C-alpha atoms as a PDB file:
ATOM      1  CA  UNK A   1     -72.077 -88.472 -68.957  1.00  0.00           C
ATOM      2  CA  UNK A   2     -70.108 -91.763 -68.886  1.00  0.00           C
ATOM      3  CA  UNK A   3     -66.584 -91.705 -70.255  1.00  0.00           C
ATOM      4  CA  UNK A   4     -65.281 -94.095 -72.878  1.00  0.00           C
ATOM      5  CA  UNK A   5     -62.781 -95.651 -70.406  1.00  0.00           C
ATOM      6  CA  UNK A   6     -65.559 -96.952 -68.205  1.00  0.00           C
ATOM      7  CA  UNK A   7     -67.091 -98.892 -71.136  1.00  0.00           C
ATOM      8  CA  UNK A   8     -63.878-100.854 -71.602  1.00  0.00           C
ATOM      9  CA  UNK A   9     -63.873-102.152 -68.002  1.00  0.00           C
ATOM     10  CA  UNK A  10     -66.829-104.604 -68.388  1.00  0.00           C
ATOM     11  CA  UNK A  11     -65.483-105.711 -71.761  1.00  0.00           C
ATOM     12  CA  UNK A  12     -62.023-106.388 -70.232  1.00  0.00           C
ATOM     13  CA  UNK A  13     -63.624-108.387 -67.403  1.00  0.00           C
ATOM     14  CA  UNK A  14     -65.560-110.491 -69.939  1.00  0.00           C
ATOM     15  CA  UNK A  15     -62.358-111.171 -71.887  1.00  0.00           C
ATOM     16  CA  UNK A  16     -60.553-112.157 -68.660  1.00  0.00           C
ATOM     17  CA  UNK A  17     -63.378-114.542 -67.672  1.00  0.00           C
ATOM     18  CA  UNK A  18     -63.418-116.090 -71.154  1.00  0.00           C
ATOM     19  CA  UNK A  19     -59.640-116.604 -71.002  1.00  0.00           C
ATOM     20  CA  UNK A  20     -59.863-118.193 -67.527  1.00  0.00           C
ATOM     21  CA  UNK A  21     -62.697-120.476 -68.674  1.00  0.00           C
ATOM     22  CA  UNK A  22     -60.705-121.577 -71.713  1.00  0.00           C
ATOM     23  CA  UNK A  23     -57.577-122.241 -69.575  1.00  0.00           C
ATOM     24  CA  UNK A  24     -59.595-124.179 -66.942  1.00  0.00           C
ATOM     25  CA  UNK A  25     -61.322-126.313 -69.581  1.00  0.00           C
ATOM     26  CA  UNK A  26     -57.971-127.199 -71.236  1.00  0.00           C
ATOM     27  CA  UNK A  27     -56.362-128.027 -67.878  1.00  0.00           C
ATOM     28  CA  UNK A  28     -59.137-130.374 -66.733  1.00  0.00           C
ATOM     29  CA  UNK A  29     -59.672-132.085 -70.093  1.00  0.00           C
ATOM     30  CA  UNK A  30     -57.514-135.259 -69.715  1.00  0.00           C
ATOM     31  CA  UNK A  31     -55.001-136.708 -72.190  1.00  0.00           C
ATOM     32  CA  UNK A  32     -54.662-133.469 -74.162  1.00  0.00           C
ATOM     33  CA  UNK A  33     -53.193-131.730 -71.107  1.00  0.00           C
ATOM     34  CA  UNK A  34     -49.881-133.535 -71.608  1.00  0.00           C
ATOM     35  CA  UNK A  35     -50.504-136.017 -68.786  1.00  0.00           C
ATOM     36  CA  UNK A  36     -51.008-139.532 -70.128  1.00  0.00           C
ATOM     37  CA  UNK A  37     -53.249-141.912 -68.238  1.00  0.00           C
ATOM     38  CA  UNK A  38     -51.468-145.068 -67.102  1.00  0.00           C
ATOM     39  CA  UNK A  39     -53.244-148.263 -68.185  1.00  0.00           C
ATOM     40  CA  UNK A  40     -51.332-150.101 -65.465  1.00  0.00           C
ATOM     41  CA  UNK A  41     -53.324-148.312 -62.774  1.00  0.00           C
ATOM     42  CA  UNK A  42     -56.000-150.542 -61.220  1.00  0.00           C
ATOM     43  CA  UNK A  43     -59.652-149.733 -61.750  1.00  0.00           C
ATOM     44  CA  UNK A  44     -60.413-150.890 -58.210  1.00  0.00           C
ATOM     45  CA  UNK A  45     -58.540-152.121 -55.138  1.00  0.00           C
ATOM     46  CA  UNK A  46     -60.235-154.353 -52.565  1.00  0.00           C
ATOM     47  CA  UNK A  47     -58.699-155.211 -49.215  1.00  0.00           C
ATOM     48  CA  UNK A  48     -59.636-158.368 -47.286  1.00  0.00           C
ATOM     49  CA  UNK A  49     -61.329-159.798 -50.379  1.00  0.00           C
ATOM     50  CA  UNK A  50     -63.371-163.025 -50.156  1.00  0.00           C
ATOM     51  CA  UNK A  51     -65.597-164.746 -52.737  1.00  0.00           C
ATOM     52  CA  UNK A  52     -67.516-168.018 -52.402  1.00  0.00           C
ATOM     53  CA  UNK A  53     -68.806-170.181 -55.265  1.00  0.00           C
ATOM     54  CA  UNK A  54     -71.785-172.416 -54.460  1.00  0.00           C
ATOM     55  CA  UNK A  55     -73.468-175.300 -56.277  1.00  0.00           C
ATOM     56  CA  UNK A  56     -77.139-175.337 -57.324  1.00  0.00           C
ATOM     57  CA  UNK A  57     -78.177-176.470 -53.836  1.00  0.00           C
ATOM     58  CA  UNK A  58     -76.342-173.544 -52.218  1.00  0.00           C
ATOM     59  CA  UNK A  59     -73.480-175.597 -50.756  1.00  0.00           C
ATOM     60  CA  UNK A  60     -70.037-173.948 -50.981  1.00  0.00           C
ATOM     61  CA  UNK A  61     -67.758-175.428 -53.693  1.00  0.00           C
ATOM     62  CA  UNK A  62     -64.745-173.192 -53.267  1.00  0.00           C
ATOM     63  CA  UNK A  63     -63.671-169.991 -51.585  1.00  0.00           C
ATOM     64  CA  UNK A  64     -61.089-167.496 -52.849  1.00  0.00           C
ATOM     65  CA  UNK A  65     -59.735-164.844 -50.502  1.00  0.00           C
ATOM     66  CA  UNK A  66     -56.798-162.432 -50.515  1.00  0.00           C
ATOM     67  CA  UNK A  67     -55.287-159.671 -48.428  1.00  0.00           C
ATOM     68  CA  UNK A  68     -55.510-157.296 -51.426  1.00  0.00           C
ATOM     69  CA  UNK A  69     -57.108-157.572 -54.887  1.00  0.00           C
ATOM     70  CA  UNK A  70     -56.270-155.271 -57.811  1.00  0.00           C
ATOM     71  CA  UNK A  71     -58.785-155.285 -60.686  1.00  0.00           C
ATOM     72  CA  UNK A  72     -57.813-153.718 -64.018  1.00  0.00           C
ATOM     73  CA  UNK A  73     -60.174-152.490 -66.740  1.00  0.00           C
ATOM     74  CA  UNK A  74     -57.820-153.565 -69.532  1.00  0.00           C
ATOM     75  CA  UNK A  75     -57.069-157.101 -70.716  1.00  0.00           C
ATOM     76  CA  UNK A  76     -54.662-157.433 -67.807  1.00  0.00           C
ATOM     77  CA  UNK A  77     -55.574-160.187 -65.294  1.00  0.00           C
ATOM     78  CA  UNK A  78     -56.762-159.425 -61.765  1.00  0.00           C
ATOM     79  CA  UNK A  79     -53.930-159.598 -59.220  1.00  0.00           C
ATOM     80  CA  UNK A  80     -54.098-160.958 -55.664  1.00  0.00           C
ATOM     81  CA  UNK A  81     -51.709-160.539 -52.739  1.00  0.00           C
ATOM     82  CA  UNK A  82     -51.433-163.490 -50.280  1.00  0.00           C
ATOM     83  CA  UNK A  83     -54.263-165.458 -51.900  1.00  0.00           C
ATOM     84  CA  UNK A  84     -55.958-168.478 -50.334  1.00  0.00           C
ATOM     85  CA  UNK A  85     -58.062-170.902 -52.401  1.00  0.00           C
ATOM     86  CA  UNK A  86     -60.156-173.494 -50.527  1.00  0.00           C
ATOM     87  CA  UNK A  87     -61.734-176.347 -52.519  1.00  0.00           C
ATOM     88  CA  UNK A  88     -64.607-177.827 -50.526  1.00  0.00           C
ATOM     89  CA  UNK A  89     -66.202-181.239 -51.106  1.00  0.00           C
ATOM     90  CA  UNK A  90     -68.465-183.229 -48.807  1.00  0.00           C
ATOM     91  CA  UNK A  91     -66.765-186.531 -49.695  1.00  0.00           C
ATOM     92  CA  UNK A  92     -63.100-185.617 -49.324  1.00  0.00           C
ATOM     93  CA  UNK A  93     -63.014-182.516 -47.139  1.00  0.00           C
ATOM     94  CA  UNK A  94     -61.008-179.393 -47.871  1.00  0.00           C
ATOM     95  CA  UNK A  95     -57.941-178.716 -49.967  1.00  0.00           C
ATOM     96  CA  UNK A  96     -56.251-175.339 -49.339  1.00  0.00           C
ATOM     97  CA  UNK A  97     -53.829-173.585 -51.730  1.00  0.00           C
ATOM     98  CA  UNK A  98     -51.839-170.525 -50.595  1.00  0.00           C
ATOM     99  CA  UNK A  99     -49.011-168.431 -52.085  1.00  0.00           C
ATOM    100  CA  UNK A 100     -47.437-164.967 -52.034  1.00  0.00           C
ATOM    101  CA  UNK A 101     -49.389-163.729 -55.056  1.00  0.00           C
ATOM    102  CA  UNK A 102     -51.759-164.880 -57.783  1.00  0.00           C
ATOM    103  CA  UNK A 103     -53.507-163.726 -60.942  1.00  0.00           C
ATOM    104  CA  UNK A 104     -57.054-164.501 -62.067  1.00  0.00           C
ATOM    105  CA  UNK A 105     -57.894-164.645 -65.780  1.00  0.00           C
ATOM    106  CA  UNK A 106     -60.522-162.211 -67.094  1.00  0.00           C
ATOM    107  CA  UNK A 107     -63.083-165.004 -67.467  1.00  0.00           C
ATOM    108  CA  UNK A 108     -62.319-166.359 -63.958  1.00  0.00           C
ATOM    109  CA  UNK A 109     -61.605-169.873 -65.244  1.00  0.00           C
ATOM    110  CA  UNK A 110     -57.890-169.924 -64.335  1.00  0.00           C
ATOM    111  CA  UNK A 111     -56.034-168.854 -61.208  1.00  0.00           C
ATOM    112  CA  UNK A 112     -52.237-168.767 -61.374  1.00  0.00           C
ATOM    113  CA  UNK A 113     -50.524-168.970 -57.963  1.00  0.00           C
ATOM    114  CA  UNK A 114     -46.906-167.737 -57.839  1.00  0.00           C
ATOM    115  CA  UNK A 115     -44.202-167.746 -55.184  1.00  0.00           C
ATOM    116  CA  UNK A 116     -43.929-170.406 -52.471  1.00  0.00           C
ATOM    117  CA  UNK A 117     -47.166-172.185 -53.316  1.00  0.00           C
ATOM    118  CA  UNK A 118     -48.419-174.661 -50.715  1.00  0.00           C
ATOM    119  CA  UNK A 119     -51.362-177.035 -51.038  1.00  0.00           C
ATOM    120  CA  UNK A 120     -52.650-178.725 -47.915  1.00  0.00           C
ATOM    121  CA  UNK A 121     -55.184-181.537 -48.077  1.00  0.00           C
ATOM    122  CA  UNK A 122     -56.855-181.687 -44.684  1.00  0.00           C
ATOM    123  CA  UNK A 123     -57.049-185.202 -43.173  1.00  0.00           C
ATOM    124  CA  UNK A 124     -60.518-186.731 -43.422  1.00  0.00           C
ATOM    125  CA  UNK A 125     -62.074-190.145 -42.828  1.00  0.00           C
ATOM    126  CA  UNK A 126     -59.810-192.684 -44.552  1.00  0.00           C
ATOM    127  CA  UNK A 127     -57.551-190.014 -46.104  1.00  0.00           C
ATOM    128  CA  UNK A 128     -54.406-188.765 -44.320  1.00  0.00           C
ATOM    129  CA  UNK A 129     -53.225-185.162 -44.541  1.00  0.00           C
ATOM    130  CA  UNK A 130     -51.039-184.317 -47.532  1.00  0.00           C
ATOM    131  CA  UNK A 131     -48.843-181.284 -48.257  1.00  0.00           C
ATOM    132  CA  UNK A 132     -47.561-180.161 -51.661  1.00  0.00           C
ATOM    133  CA  UNK A 133     -45.006-177.390 -52.371  1.00  0.00           C
ATOM    134  CA  UNK A 134     -44.140-175.733 -55.695  1.00  0.00           C
ATOM    135  CA  UNK A 135     -43.334-172.274 -57.107  1.00  0.00           C
ATOM    136  CA  UNK A 136     -46.125-172.071 -59.707  1.00  0.00           C
ATOM    137  CA  UNK A 137     -49.599-173.611 -59.625  1.00  0.00           C
ATOM    138  CA  UNK A 138     -52.457-173.292 -62.104  1.00  0.00           C
ATOM    139  CA  UNK A 139     -55.942-173.876 -60.668  1.00  0.00           C
ATOM    140  CA  UNK A 140     -58.954-174.526 -62.902  1.00  0.00           C
ATOM    141  CA  UNK A 141     -61.914-174.328 -60.464  1.00  0.00           C
ATOM    142  CA  UNK A 142     -64.636-175.332 -62.945  1.00  0.00           C
ATOM    143  CA  UNK A 143     -62.755-178.501 -63.956  1.00  0.00           C
ATOM    144  CA  UNK A 144     -61.573-179.154 -60.370  1.00  0.00           C
ATOM    145  CA  UNK A 145     -58.006-179.539 -61.677  1.00  0.00           C
ATOM    146  CA  UNK A 146     -54.687-178.208 -60.370  1.00  0.00           C
ATOM    147  CA  UNK A 147     -51.490-178.214 -62.433  1.00  0.00           C
ATOM    148  CA  UNK A 148     -47.888-177.446 -61.419  1.00  0.00           C
ATOM    149  CA  UNK A 149     -45.797-176.880 -64.578  1.00  0.00           C
ATOM    150  CA  UNK A 150     -42.532-176.938 -62.602  1.00  0.00           C
ATOM    151  CA  UNK A 151     -40.862-178.926 -59.804  1.00  0.00           C
ATOM    152  CA  UNK A 152     -43.133-180.144 -57.031  1.00  0.00           C
ATOM    153  CA  UNK A 153     -42.617-181.864 -53.674  1.00  0.00           C
ATOM    154  CA  UNK A 154     -45.301-183.927 -51.920  1.00  0.00           C
ATOM    155  CA  UNK A 155     -45.225-184.975 -48.268  1.00  0.00           C
ATOM    156  CA  UNK A 156     -47.691-187.114 -46.385  1.00  0.00           C
ATOM    157  CA  UNK A 157     -47.966-189.904 -43.873  1.00  0.00           C
ATOM    158  CA  UNK A 158     -45.071-192.160 -44.894  1.00  0.00           C
ATOM    159  CA  UNK A 159     -44.772-190.502 -48.327  1.00  0.00           C
ATOM    160  CA  UNK A 160     -42.128-188.194 -49.797  1.00  0.00           C
ATOM    161  CA  UNK A 161     -42.256-187.605 -53.545  1.00  0.00           C
ATOM    162  CA  UNK A 162     -40.739-185.163 -56.039  1.00  0.00           C
ATOM    163  CA  UNK A 163     -41.502-184.593 -59.674  1.00  0.00           C
ATOM    164  CA  UNK A 164     -40.734-182.195 -62.524  1.00  0.00           C
ATOM    165  CA  UNK A 165     -44.442-181.417 -62.982  1.00  0.00           C
ATOM    166  CA  UNK A 166     -47.801-182.446 -61.530  1.00  0.00           C
ATOM    167  CA  UNK A 167     -51.503-182.606 -62.301  1.00  0.00           C
ATOM    168  CA  UNK A 168     -54.106-183.143 -59.591  1.00  0.00           C
ATOM    169  CA  UNK A 169     -57.708-184.147 -60.243  1.00  0.00           C
ATOM    170  CA  UNK A 170     -59.448-182.906 -57.080  1.00  0.00           C
ATOM    171  CA  UNK A 171     -62.718-184.676 -57.838  1.00  0.00           C
ATOM    172  CA  UNK A 172     -61.187-188.156 -58.276  1.00  0.00           C
ATOM    173  CA  UNK A 173     -58.334-187.439 -55.805  1.00  0.00           C
ATOM    174  CA  UNK A 174     -55.680-188.526 -58.314  1.00  0.00           C
ATOM    175  CA  UNK A 175     -52.188-186.992 -58.454  1.00  0.00           C
ATOM    176  CA  UNK A 176     -50.048-187.524 -61.572  1.00  0.00           C
ATOM    177  CA  UNK A 177     -46.345-186.692 -61.369  1.00  0.00           C
ATOM    178  CA  UNK A 178     -44.354-186.223 -64.580  1.00  0.00           C
ATOM    179  CA  UNK A 179     -40.722-185.857 -65.622  1.00  0.00           C
ATOM    180  CA  UNK A 180     -38.053-186.984 -63.201  1.00  0.00           C
ATOM    181  CA  UNK A 181     -40.000-188.571 -60.364  1.00  0.00           C
ATOM    182  CA  UNK A 182     -38.484-189.750 -57.113  1.00  0.00           C
ATOM    183  CA  UNK A 183     -40.685-191.210 -54.376  1.00  0.00           C
ATOM    184  CA  UNK A 184     -40.209-192.840 -50.998  1.00  0.00           C
ATOM    185  CA  UNK A 185     -43.113-194.652 -49.428  1.00  0.00           C
ATOM    186  CA  UNK A 186     -43.051-196.205 -45.966  1.00  0.00           C
ATOM    187  CA  UNK A 187     -46.057-198.239 -44.973  1.00  0.00           C
ATOM    188  CA  UNK A 188     -47.612-196.536 -41.966  1.00  0.00           C
ATOM    189  CA  UNK A 189     -48.236-198.736 -38.945  1.00  0.00           C
ATOM    190  CA  UNK A 190     -51.914-199.270 -38.032  1.00  0.00           C
END
């Protein structure tokens, strides 16, 4: 005959398993466990990132690369470390923008370069090399426009110019300086 004490053993084991299951489910569950998820954490991190945009004929229009890219699932913009933006045209060659960091809007229509921004226009047939330095640069790739909302310095063959702000139309190759503008131009010898 089986004693009453031995009937309680399986029942006690079942209660222990139920308690452990309940504790495990509550621990794994997420925000209710007392640990709040941080919306500032990136959804993905990509190292040695590079993206190329092409036209309808498959020719490259621009290239965006960075040492590290942080993409966020929230409304926060994508962040880039040591970004490099190369605007490519057959007529006027390449224009390269670099900086310490940058952000890309959620729709990809605006890139904001921050911290020691440098733009270099590579010399091409009939166009000398040109260098531009600023601390903040907004790039609108679809419109082929660059805008520096703060002080800017431009250096080229026989040219030194400074302005309080700048807008550059990459397609027409026109630079507009605004605010307090100071320029020195020395005619280069042929």
